[in-house]
Amino acid sequence: MTKLRWYHPWLLLARLLHYLPGPVLNVFIGFTGKVLDLVLYKTARQGLALAFPAKSPAERSRIASRAARNMIAGAISIVRLNRMKFTLENKDVIQQCYDPDHGLLIASLHMGPPEAAALQLQQLGYPVAVLIGAGKRSPRFNAFGRHILGWYGLQPLLRGNPLLLMKSLRQGHCITFHNDMRARDAEVDFFGRKVRAPASVISLALAQQQPLLFHYATPNGKNSWKLHFEAFELESTDDRDHDTQQNLQRLMDRMESVIRKYPEHWIWHYDRFSLKKLARKNRH
C-alpha cells in the first residue's frame, strides 16, 4: 500500500487544520463553502428542486448555501474529532444489538462529522473497523485516509473484499455502511425519483440473521453533535431477493425522513440523483 511521508502536503494541511483556532477555522470553512456552492451550484439546486418542489427557489438556495458550508465543515472535522463533543443517543440499543461473535452492522447517513460514530463506539470499548476504498484510482488519497484513521487508532477495512468483511464481523467488529451514496446494487425510490442504492448491508444482515442499526448525527450546539442509533427491524420471508428490495426501500424511506427534517446538513452538492448523467443522455 502507498504510504505518505510526514511532509506530504495533505498531511501538513491536516495538521494545520487540526490546530487552527476556532475563529480562523470558521472563516476558512465559510470561504471554501462558498467556493463549493459556486462550483456545484446547479447540482445542489436541481437536487433540492426534485426533493422540495414546494419550497421557493430562494429557500432552496439558502439550504444549498448552508449545506455547502456544513459539507466542508464535515470534511474538515475528520482531523478534529478529538476536539469535538458527542452525545450518544440510545446507548442501550447498541448493547442489545451487538454480538461479539457476529459484530454489528450499521447503516449510516452522511450527516455530521464522518467516523464520529466509529470513534465513539471504540471509546465505549467496542472493536471497530472502518470501510475504506481499495485506492486503485487514487492510492495517495487512500493512503491519506488510512493515515488519518490511524490518528484515532481506527482499523481500515478495504471495500470490495467480502471474505475480509466476513472475517472482520466474526472478530466482533462494528462496521458502518454509508447507504445514501450511489451504487449499482438495486433500484429504489428516493425523494420521488428512481435511483440506484447500495444493498450490501441489508443483504448481509439478512444472510447472517443479525440486527441492523440505523445511524445519523444532528447538531447539538456549538461544536457538538448527537449521534443517533436506532434498531432497524428487518422484514423477512422465504424470498431473499424480495426481502432485500423491500428492506432497502424501507431504509431509504427512513433516511429520506431524516434528511427532510435536517436538509441543510445533507450532501446536496454530491450528484446523488445522477443529474449530470441524465443531462448528457438528454443531449444525445
C-alpha atoms as a PDB file:
ATOM      1  CA  MET A   1       0.000   0.000   0.000  1.00  0.00           C
ATOM      2  CA  THR A   2       1.080   3.568  -0.676  1.00  0.00           C
ATOM      3  CA  LYS A   3       2.447   5.435   2.347  1.00  0.00           C
ATOM      4  CA  LEU A   4       2.755   9.173   2.746  1.00  0.00           C
ATOM      5  CA  ARG A   5       5.779  10.918   4.226  1.00  0.00           C
ATOM      6  CA  TRP A   6       5.151  13.220   7.164  1.00  0.00           C
ATOM      7  CA  TYR A   7       5.910  16.226   4.966  1.00  0.00           C
ATOM      8  CA  HIS A   8       3.306  15.351   2.311  1.00  0.00           C
ATOM      9  CA  PRO A   9       1.162  18.483   1.593  1.00  0.00           C
ATOM     10  CA  TRP A  10      -2.090  16.748   2.578  1.00  0.00           C
ATOM     11  CA  LEU A  11      -0.712  15.702   5.945  1.00  0.00           C
ATOM     12  CA  LEU A  12       0.717  19.163   6.553  1.00  0.00           C
ATOM     13  CA  LEU A  13      -2.696  20.660   5.711  1.00  0.00           C
ATOM     14  CA  ALA A  14      -4.413  18.165   8.046  1.00  0.00           C
ATOM     15  CA  ARG A  15      -2.149  19.174  10.922  1.00  0.00           C
ATOM     16  CA  LEU A  16      -2.717  22.858  10.175  1.00  0.00           C
ATOM     17  CA  LEU A  17      -6.499  22.399  10.192  1.00  0.00           C
ATOM     18  CA  HIS A  18      -6.282  20.397  13.407  1.00  0.00           C
ATOM     19  CA  TYR A  19      -4.555  23.206  15.284  1.00  0.00           C
ATOM     20  CA  LEU A  20      -6.247  26.234  13.706  1.00  0.00           C
ATOM     21  CA  PRO A  21      -8.080  28.419  16.261  1.00  0.00           C
ATOM     22  CA  GLY A  22     -11.861  28.195  16.021  1.00  0.00           C
ATOM     23  CA  PRO A  23     -12.486  31.730  14.644  1.00  0.00           C
ATOM     24  CA  VAL A  24      -9.860  31.308  11.915  1.00  0.00           C
ATOM     25  CA  LEU A  25     -11.212  27.878  11.024  1.00  0.00           C
ATOM     26  CA  ASN A  26     -14.739  29.279  10.727  1.00  0.00           C
ATOM     27  CA  VAL A  27     -13.525  31.880   8.235  1.00  0.00           C
ATOM     28  CA  PHE A  28     -11.789  29.160   6.211  1.00  0.00           C
ATOM     29  CA  ILE A  29     -14.899  26.947   6.248  1.00  0.00           C
ATOM     30  CA  GLY A  30     -17.116  29.865   5.234  1.00  0.00           C
ATOM     31  CA  PHE A  31     -14.883  30.778   2.289  1.00  0.00           C
ATOM     32  CA  THR A  32     -14.402  27.219   0.993  1.00  0.00           C
ATOM     33  CA  GLY A  33     -18.116  26.535   1.467  1.00  0.00           C
ATOM     34  CA  LYS A  34     -18.938  29.467  -0.809  1.00  0.00           C
ATOM     35  CA  VAL A  35     -16.461  28.182  -3.384  1.00  0.00           C
ATOM     36  CA  LEU A  36     -18.008  24.707  -3.260  1.00  0.00           C
ATOM     37  CA  ASP A  37     -21.501  26.149  -3.639  1.00  0.00           C
ATOM     38  CA  LEU A  38     -20.366  28.233  -6.603  1.00  0.00           C
ATOM     39  CA  VAL A  39     -18.668  25.309  -8.380  1.00  0.00           C
ATOM     40  CA  LEU A  40     -21.555  22.868  -7.809  1.00  0.00           C
ATOM     41  CA  TYR A  41     -24.330  25.456  -7.827  1.00  0.00           C
ATOM     42  CA  LYS A  42     -26.529  23.687 -10.371  1.00  0.00           C
ATOM     43  CA  THR A  43     -26.142  20.192  -8.884  1.00  0.00           C
ATOM     44  CA  ALA A  44     -27.322  21.272  -5.419  1.00  0.00           C
ATOM     45  CA  ARG A  45     -30.257  23.347  -6.597  1.00  0.00           C
ATOM     46  CA  GLN A  46     -31.505  20.798  -9.101  1.00  0.00           C
ATOM     47  CA  GLY A  47     -31.399  18.117  -6.414  1.00  0.00           C
ATOM     48  CA  LEU A  48     -33.234  20.349  -3.958  1.00  0.00           C
ATOM     49  CA  ALA A  49     -35.843  21.202  -6.593  1.00  0.00           C
ATOM     50  CA  LEU A  50     -36.532  17.477  -7.040  1.00  0.00           C
ATOM     51  CA  ALA A  51     -36.717  16.873  -3.298  1.00  0.00           C
ATOM     52  CA  PHE A  52     -38.584  20.033  -2.255  1.00  0.00           C
ATOM     53  CA  PRO A  53     -40.657  21.278  -5.206  1.00  0.00           C
ATOM     54  CA  ALA A  54     -42.980  23.195  -2.852  1.00  0.00           C
ATOM     55  CA  LYS A  55     -40.160  25.347  -1.472  1.00  0.00           C
ATOM     56  CA  SER A  56     -39.308  28.596  -3.222  1.00  0.00           C
ATOM     57  CA  PRO A  57     -36.054  28.894  -5.221  1.00  0.00           C
ATOM     58  CA  ALA A  58     -34.776  31.388  -2.641  1.00  0.00           C
ATOM     59  CA  GLU A  59     -35.457  28.963   0.219  1.00  0.00           C
ATOM     60  CA  ARG A  60     -33.792  26.097  -1.639  1.00  0.00           C
ATOM     61  CA  SER A  61     -30.811  28.336  -2.349  1.00  0.00           C
ATOM     62  CA  ARG A  62     -30.477  29.130   1.360  1.00  0.00           C
ATOM     63  CA  ILE A  63     -30.482  25.415   2.155  1.00  0.00           C
ATOM     64  CA  ALA A  64     -27.846  24.812  -0.518  1.00  0.00           C
ATOM     65  CA  SER A  65     -25.563  27.534   0.850  1.00  0.00           C
ATOM     66  CA  ARG A  66     -25.777  26.168   4.389  1.00  0.00           C
ATOM     67  CA  ALA A  67     -25.328  22.601   3.128  1.00  0.00           C
ATOM     68  CA  ALA A  68     -22.134  23.589   1.295  1.00  0.00           C
ATOM     69  CA  ARG A  69     -20.677  25.096   4.447  1.00  0.00           C
ATOM     70  CA  ASN A  70     -21.721  22.069   6.503  1.00  0.00           C
ATOM     71  CA  MET A  71     -20.247  19.712   3.917  1.00  0.00           C
ATOM     72  CA  ILE A  72     -16.864  21.452   4.181  1.00  0.00           C
ATOM     73  CA  ALA A  73     -17.110  21.533   7.981  1.00  0.00           C
ATOM     74  CA  GLY A  74     -17.862  17.812   7.990  1.00  0.00           C
ATOM     75  CA  ALA A  75     -14.893  17.011   5.772  1.00  0.00           C
ATOM     76  CA  ILE A  76     -12.553  19.065   7.966  1.00  0.00           C
ATOM     77  CA  SER A  77     -13.942  17.591  11.184  1.00  0.00           C
ATOM     78  CA  ILE A  78     -12.241  14.268  10.427  1.00  0.00           C
ATOM     79  CA  VAL A  79      -8.965  15.834  11.586  1.00  0.00           C
ATOM     80  CA  ARG A  80     -10.559  17.447  14.660  1.00  0.00           C
ATOM     81  CA  LEU A  81     -12.779  14.681  16.085  1.00  0.00           C
ATOM     82  CA  ASN A  82     -10.947  14.640  19.397  1.00  0.00           C
ATOM     83  CA  ARG A  83     -11.685  18.369  19.784  1.00  0.00           C
ATOM     84  CA  MET A  84     -15.442  17.950  19.393  1.00  0.00           C
ATOM     85  CA  LYS A  85     -18.211  16.927  21.776  1.00  0.00           C
ATOM     86  CA  PHE A  86     -20.525  13.998  21.085  1.00  0.00           C
ATOM     87  CA  THR A  87     -23.567  12.635  22.874  1.00  0.00           C
ATOM     88  CA  LEU A  88     -24.695   9.096  22.113  1.00  0.00           C
ATOM     89  CA  GLU A  89     -28.446   8.631  21.941  1.00  0.00           C
ATOM     90  CA  ASN A  90     -29.891   5.173  22.684  1.00  0.00           C
ATOM     91  CA  LYS A  91     -26.732   3.525  24.019  1.00  0.00           C
ATOM     92  CA  ASP A  92     -28.885   0.615  25.193  1.00  0.00           C
ATOM     93  CA  VAL A  93     -29.851  -0.347  21.652  1.00  0.00           C
ATOM     94  CA  ILE A  94     -26.167  -0.688  20.720  1.00  0.00           C
ATOM     95  CA  GLN A  95     -25.565  -3.072  23.600  1.00  0.00           C
ATOM     96  CA  GLN A  96     -28.715  -5.052  22.785  1.00  0.00           C
ATOM     97  CA  CYS A  97     -27.798  -5.500  19.119  1.00  0.00           C
ATOM     98  CA  TYR A  98     -24.061  -6.112  19.463  1.00  0.00           C
ATOM     99  CA  ASP A  99     -22.854  -9.721  19.258  1.00  0.00           C
ATOM    100  CA  PRO A 100     -19.136 -10.397  19.916  1.00  0.00           C
ATOM    101  CA  ASP A 101     -19.306 -13.415  17.581  1.00  0.00           C
ATOM    102  CA  HIS A 102     -21.020 -11.609  14.690  1.00  0.00           C
ATOM    103  CA  GLY A 103     -20.097  -7.955  15.159  1.00  0.00           C
ATOM    104  CA  LEU A 104     -22.551  -5.159  14.437  1.00  0.00           C
ATOM    105  CA  LEU A 105     -23.860  -3.816  11.130  1.00  0.00           C
ATOM    106  CA  ILE A 106     -24.700  -0.106  10.960  1.00  0.00           C
ATOM    107  CA  ALA A 107     -26.415   1.686   8.065  1.00  0.00           C
ATOM    108  CA  SER A 108     -25.334   5.310   8.158  1.00  0.00           C
ATOM    109  CA  LEU A 109     -26.305   8.634   6.654  1.00  0.00           C
ATOM    110  CA  HIS A 110     -23.842  11.336   5.544  1.00  0.00           C
ATOM    111  CA  MET A 111     -24.779  13.869   8.163  1.00  0.00           C
ATOM    112  CA  GLY A 112     -22.343  15.425  10.617  1.00  0.00           C
ATOM    113  CA  PRO A 113     -18.683  14.521  11.267  1.00  0.00           C
ATOM    114  CA  PRO A 114     -17.602  11.372   9.390  1.00  0.00           C
ATOM    115  CA  GLU A 115     -16.347   8.455  11.507  1.00  0.00           C
ATOM    116  CA  ALA A 116     -17.569  10.119  14.716  1.00  0.00           C
ATOM    117  CA  ALA A 117     -19.741   7.066  15.404  1.00  0.00           C
ATOM    118  CA  ALA A 118     -16.785   4.727  14.878  1.00  0.00           C
ATOM    119  CA  LEU A 119     -14.621   6.712  17.277  1.00  0.00           C
ATOM    120  CA  GLN A 120     -17.329   6.885  19.935  1.00  0.00           C
ATOM    121  CA  LEU A 121     -18.072   3.156  19.679  1.00  0.00           C
ATOM    122  CA  GLN A 122     -14.371   2.456  20.039  1.00  0.00           C
ATOM    123  CA  GLN A 123     -14.207   4.646  23.145  1.00  0.00           C
ATOM    124  CA  LEU A 124     -17.103   2.640  24.597  1.00  0.00           C
ATOM    125  CA  GLY A 125     -14.981  -0.482  24.236  1.00  0.00           C
ATOM    126  CA  TYR A 126     -16.397  -1.953  21.025  1.00  0.00           C
ATOM    127  CA  PRO A 127     -13.956  -3.186  18.355  1.00  0.00           C
ATOM    128  CA  VAL A 128     -14.433  -1.102  15.202  1.00  0.00           C
ATOM    129  CA  ALA A 129     -13.418  -1.387  11.556  1.00  0.00           C
ATOM    130  CA  VAL A 130     -13.888   1.479   9.078  1.00  0.00           C
ATOM    131  CA  LEU A 131     -14.714   0.720   5.452  1.00  0.00           C
ATOM    132  CA  ILE A 132     -12.387   2.492   3.046  1.00  0.00           C
ATOM    133  CA  GLY A 133     -11.875   2.244  -0.716  1.00  0.00           C
ATOM    134  CA  ALA A 134      -9.193  -0.025  -2.126  1.00  0.00           C
ATOM    135  CA  GLY A 135      -7.369   3.021  -3.501  1.00  0.00           C
ATOM    136  CA  LYS A 136      -6.868   1.777  -7.054  1.00  0.00           C
ATOM    137  CA  ARG A 137      -7.867   5.084  -8.638  1.00  0.00           C
ATOM    138  CA  SER A 138      -6.276   7.358  -6.063  1.00  0.00           C
ATOM    139  CA  PRO A 139      -3.710   5.481  -3.964  1.00  0.00           C
ATOM    140  CA  ARG A 140      -2.325   8.632  -2.339  1.00  0.00           C
ATOM    141  CA  PHE A 141      -5.755   9.819  -1.228  1.00  0.00           C
ATOM    142  CA  ASN A 142      -6.427   6.321   0.087  1.00  0.00           C
ATOM    143  CA  ALA A 143      -3.134   6.439   1.999  1.00  0.00           C
ATOM    144  CA  PHE A 144      -4.148   9.828   3.418  1.00  0.00           C
ATOM    145  CA  GLY A 145      -7.446   8.381   4.648  1.00  0.00           C
ATOM    146  CA  ARG A 146      -5.726   5.415   6.295  1.00  0.00           C
ATOM    147  CA  HIS A 147      -3.224   7.767   7.921  1.00  0.00           C
ATOM    148  CA  ILE A 148      -5.987   9.922   9.438  1.00  0.00           C
ATOM    149  CA  LEU A 149      -7.814   6.837  10.726  1.00  0.00           C
ATOM    150  CA  GLY A 150      -4.549   5.834  12.339  1.00  0.00           C
ATOM    151  CA  TRP A 151      -4.580   9.073  14.336  1.00  0.00           C
ATOM    152  CA  TYR A 152      -7.543   7.684  16.246  1.00  0.00           C
ATOM    153  CA  GLY A 153      -6.483   4.049  16.302  1.00  0.00           C
ATOM    154  CA  LEU A 154      -9.293   3.076  13.909  1.00  0.00           C
ATOM    155  CA  GLN A 155      -8.719  -0.008  11.764  1.00  0.00           C
ATOM    156  CA  PRO A 156      -9.312   0.457   7.998  1.00  0.00           C
ATOM    157  CA  LEU A 157     -11.187  -2.272   6.143  1.00  0.00           C
ATOM    158  CA  LEU A 158     -10.895  -2.335   2.353  1.00  0.00           C
ATOM    159  CA  ARG A 159     -14.154  -2.372   0.393  1.00  0.00           C
ATOM    160  CA  GLY A 160     -14.776  -4.968  -2.286  1.00  0.00           C
ATOM    161  CA  ASN A 161     -13.473  -7.958  -0.308  1.00  0.00           C
ATOM    162  CA  PRO A 162     -16.429  -9.981   1.069  1.00  0.00           C
ATOM    163  CA  LEU A 163     -14.197 -12.568   2.744  1.00  0.00           C
ATOM    164  CA  LEU A 164     -12.292  -9.877   4.627  1.00  0.00           C
ATOM    165  CA  LEU A 165     -15.582  -8.264   5.617  1.00  0.00           C
ATOM    166  CA  MET A 166     -16.989 -11.535   6.972  1.00  0.00           C
ATOM    167  CA  LYS A 167     -13.767 -12.190   8.870  1.00  0.00           C
ATOM    168  CA  SER A 168     -13.957  -8.731  10.437  1.00  0.00           C
ATOM    169  CA  LEU A 169     -17.544  -9.345  11.564  1.00  0.00           C
ATOM    170  CA  ARG A 170     -16.601 -12.727  13.073  1.00  0.00           C
ATOM    171  CA  GLN A 171     -13.922 -10.870  15.031  1.00  0.00           C
ATOM    172  CA  GLY A 172     -16.710  -8.794  16.550  1.00  0.00           C
ATOM    173  CA  HIS A 173     -16.098  -5.519  14.716  1.00  0.00           C
ATOM    174  CA  CYS A 174     -18.732  -2.820  14.389  1.00  0.00           C
ATOM    175  CA  ILE A 175     -18.840  -1.737  10.733  1.00  0.00           C
ATOM    176  CA  THR A 176     -20.654   1.281   9.306  1.00  0.00           C
ATOM    177  CA  PHE A 177     -22.032   1.316   5.757  1.00  0.00           C
ATOM    178  CA  HIS A 178     -22.942   4.665   4.152  1.00  0.00           C
ATOM    179  CA  ASN A 179     -26.233   3.922   2.410  1.00  0.00           C
ATOM    180  CA  ASP A 180     -27.054   7.321   0.922  1.00  0.00           C
ATOM    181  CA  MET A 181     -24.432   7.102  -1.853  1.00  0.00           C
ATOM    182  CA  ARG A 182     -24.829   5.988  -5.451  1.00  0.00           C
ATOM    183  CA  ALA A 183     -24.385   2.286  -6.224  1.00  0.00           C
ATOM    184  CA  ARG A 184     -25.431  -0.217  -8.865  1.00  0.00           C
ATOM    185  CA  ASP A 185     -26.935  -2.742  -6.454  1.00  0.00           C
ATOM    186  CA  ALA A 186     -30.676  -2.042  -6.522  1.00  0.00           C
ATOM    187  CA  GLU A 187     -33.230   0.471  -7.723  1.00  0.00           C
ATOM    188  CA  VAL A 188     -35.245   2.322  -5.076  1.00  0.00           C
ATOM    189  CA  ASP A 189     -37.433   5.403  -4.709  1.00  0.00           C
ATOM    190  CA  PHE A 190     -35.659   8.355  -3.103  1.00  0.00           C
ATOM    191  CA  PHE A 191     -37.391  11.728  -2.883  1.00  0.00           C
ATOM    192  CA  GLY A 192     -39.838  10.533  -5.542  1.00  0.00           C
ATOM    193  CA  ARG A 193     -37.110   9.626  -8.001  1.00  0.00           C
ATOM    194  CA  LYS A 194     -35.765   6.230  -9.108  1.00  0.00           C
ATOM    195  CA  VAL A 195     -32.122   5.886  -8.027  1.00  0.00           C
ATOM    196  CA  ARG A 196     -29.620   3.083  -7.513  1.00  0.00           C
ATOM    197  CA  ALA A 197     -28.538   2.360  -3.939  1.00  0.00           C
ATOM    198  CA  PRO A 198     -26.121   0.023  -2.111  1.00  0.00           C
ATOM    199  CA  ALA A 199     -27.800  -3.127  -0.759  1.00  0.00           C
ATOM    200  CA  SER A 200     -24.826  -4.894   0.842  1.00  0.00           C
ATOM    201  CA  VAL A 201     -25.640  -4.037   4.462  1.00  0.00           C
ATOM    202  CA  ILE A 202     -29.235  -5.282   4.031  1.00  0.00           C
ATOM    203  CA  SER A 203     -28.068  -8.457   2.269  1.00  0.00           C
ATOM    204  CA  LEU A 204     -25.508  -9.138   4.999  1.00  0.00           C
ATOM    205  CA  ALA A 205     -27.983  -8.605   7.827  1.00  0.00           C
ATOM    206  CA  LEU A 206     -30.498 -10.954   6.194  1.00  0.00           C
ATOM    207  CA  ALA A 207     -27.884 -13.606   5.386  1.00  0.00           C
ATOM    208  CA  GLN A 208     -26.411 -13.503   8.903  1.00  0.00           C
ATOM    209  CA  GLN A 209     -29.833 -13.109  10.542  1.00  0.00           C
ATOM    210  CA  GLN A 210     -28.402 -10.389  12.732  1.00  0.00           C
ATOM    211  CA  PRO A 211     -29.693  -6.998  13.900  1.00  0.00           C
ATOM    212  CA  LEU A 212     -29.103  -3.827  11.928  1.00  0.00           C
ATOM    213  CA  LEU A 213     -28.747  -0.315  13.325  1.00  0.00           C
ATOM    214  CA  PHE A 214     -29.532   2.941  11.544  1.00  0.00           C
ATOM    215  CA  HIS A 215     -27.256   5.845  12.482  1.00  0.00           C
ATOM    216  CA  TYR A 216     -27.273   9.587  11.823  1.00  0.00           C
ATOM    217  CA  ALA A 217     -25.998  12.711  13.578  1.00  0.00           C
ATOM    218  CA  THR A 218     -27.710  16.002  14.404  1.00  0.00           C
ATOM    219  CA  PRO A 219     -26.230  19.290  15.703  1.00  0.00           C
ATOM    220  CA  ASN A 220     -26.323  19.788  19.453  1.00  0.00           C
ATOM    221  CA  GLY A 221     -24.928  23.270  19.956  1.00  0.00           C
ATOM    222  CA  LYS A 222     -21.548  24.738  19.065  1.00  0.00           C
ATOM    223  CA  ASN A 223     -19.008  22.095  18.043  1.00  0.00           C
ATOM    224  CA  SER A 224     -21.259  19.396  19.492  1.00  0.00           C
ATOM    225  CA  TRP A 225     -23.311  16.589  17.941  1.00  0.00           C
ATOM    226  CA  LYS A 226     -25.869  13.996  18.933  1.00  0.00           C
ATOM    227  CA  LEU A 227     -25.171  10.548  17.490  1.00  0.00           C
ATOM    228  CA  HIS A 228     -28.447   8.691  16.996  1.00  0.00           C
ATOM    229  CA  PHE A 229     -28.717   4.894  16.834  1.00  0.00           C
ATOM    230  CA  GLU A 230     -31.983   3.129  16.021  1.00  0.00           C
ATOM    231  CA  ALA A 231     -32.758  -0.567  15.724  1.00  0.00           C
ATOM    232  CA  PHE A 232     -33.871  -1.236  12.154  1.00  0.00           C
ATOM    233  CA  GLU A 233     -36.183  -4.242  12.210  1.00  0.00           C
ATOM    234  CA  LEU A 234     -35.806  -6.377   9.087  1.00  0.00           C
ATOM    235  CA  GLU A 235     -38.828  -7.928   7.424  1.00  0.00           C
ATOM    236  CA  SER A 236     -38.053 -11.495   6.396  1.00  0.00           C
ATOM    237  CA  THR A 237     -39.829 -14.088   4.242  1.00  0.00           C
ATOM    238  CA  ASP A 238     -38.618 -17.054   2.180  1.00  0.00           C
ATOM    239  CA  ASP A 239     -37.815 -14.776  -0.770  1.00  0.00           C
ATOM    240  CA  ARG A 240     -34.357 -13.276  -0.161  1.00  0.00           C
ATOM    241  CA  ASP A 241     -34.372 -11.005  -3.231  1.00  0.00           C
ATOM    242  CA  HIS A 242     -37.786  -9.621  -2.286  1.00  0.00           C
ATOM    243  CA  ASP A 243     -36.698  -9.117   1.322  1.00  0.00           C
ATOM    244  CA  THR A 244     -33.551  -7.269   0.261  1.00  0.00           C
ATOM    245  CA  GLN A 245     -35.502  -4.941  -2.019  1.00  0.00           C
ATOM    246  CA  GLN A 246     -38.260  -4.254   0.495  1.00  0.00           C
ATOM    247  CA  ASN A 247     -35.948  -3.622   3.431  1.00  0.00           C
ATOM    248  CA  LEU A 248     -33.646  -1.433   1.359  1.00  0.00           C
ATOM    249  CA  GLN A 249     -36.628   0.688   0.309  1.00  0.00           C
ATOM    250  CA  ARG A 250     -37.721   0.987   3.958  1.00  0.00           C
ATOM    251  CA  LEU A 251     -34.194   2.078   4.909  1.00  0.00           C
ATOM    252  CA  MET A 252     -34.121   4.693   2.143  1.00  0.00           C
ATOM    253  CA  ASP A 253     -37.514   5.973   3.298  1.00  0.00           C
ATOM    254  CA  ARG A 254     -36.172   6.367   6.839  1.00  0.00           C
ATOM    255  CA  MET A 255     -33.111   8.203   5.557  1.00  0.00           C
ATOM    256  CA  GLU A 256     -35.285  10.494   3.465  1.00  0.00           C
ATOM    257  CA  SER A 257     -37.391  11.382   6.505  1.00  0.00           C
ATOM    258  CA  VAL A 258     -34.263  12.413   8.446  1.00  0.00           C
ATOM    259  CA  ILE A 259     -32.924  14.456   5.521  1.00  0.00           C
ATOM    260  CA  ARG A 260     -36.280  16.242   5.184  1.00  0.00           C
ATOM    261  CA  LYS A 261     -36.025  17.229   8.847  1.00  0.00           C
ATOM    262  CA  TYR A 262     -32.408  18.451   8.580  1.00  0.00           C
ATOM    263  CA  PRO A 263     -31.948  19.319   4.871  1.00  0.00           C
ATOM    264  CA  GLU A 264     -29.108  21.801   5.435  1.00  0.00           C
ATOM    265  CA  HIS A 265     -26.952  19.011   6.893  1.00  0.00           C
ATOM    266  CA  TRP A 266     -27.121  16.632   3.923  1.00  0.00           C
ATOM    267  CA  ILE A 267     -24.751  16.431   0.918  1.00  0.00           C
ATOM    268  CA  TRP A 268     -26.810  18.153  -1.808  1.00  0.00           C
ATOM    269  CA  HIS A 269     -23.648  19.096  -3.715  1.00  0.00           C
ATOM    270  CA  TYR A 270     -22.993  15.406  -4.318  1.00  0.00           C
ATOM    271  CA  ASP A 271     -24.791  14.318  -7.504  1.00  0.00           C
ATOM    272  CA  ARG A 272     -26.919  11.677  -5.781  1.00  0.00           C
ATOM    273  CA  PHE A 273     -29.617  11.781  -8.451  1.00  0.00           C
ATOM    274  CA  SER A 274     -27.173  11.308 -11.381  1.00  0.00           C
ATOM    275  CA  LEU A 275     -28.296  14.624 -12.866  1.00  0.00           C
ATOM    276  CA  LYS A 276     -25.147  15.062 -14.963  1.00  0.00           C
ATOM    277  CA  LYS A 277     -25.595  11.617 -16.499  1.00  0.00           C
ATOM    278  CA  LEU A 278     -29.237  12.392 -17.254  1.00  0.00           C
ATOM    279  CA  ALA A 279     -28.303  15.722 -18.854  1.00  0.00           C
ATOM    280  CA  ARG A 280     -25.745  14.020 -21.124  1.00  0.00           C
ATOM    281  CA  LYS A 281     -28.308  11.389 -22.067  1.00  0.00           C
ATOM    282  CA  ASN A 282     -30.893  14.018 -22.954  1.00  0.00           C
ATOM    283  CA  ARG A 283     -28.402  15.887 -25.145  1.00  0.00           C
ATOM    284  CA  HIS A 284     -27.921  12.787 -27.235  1.00  0.00           C
END
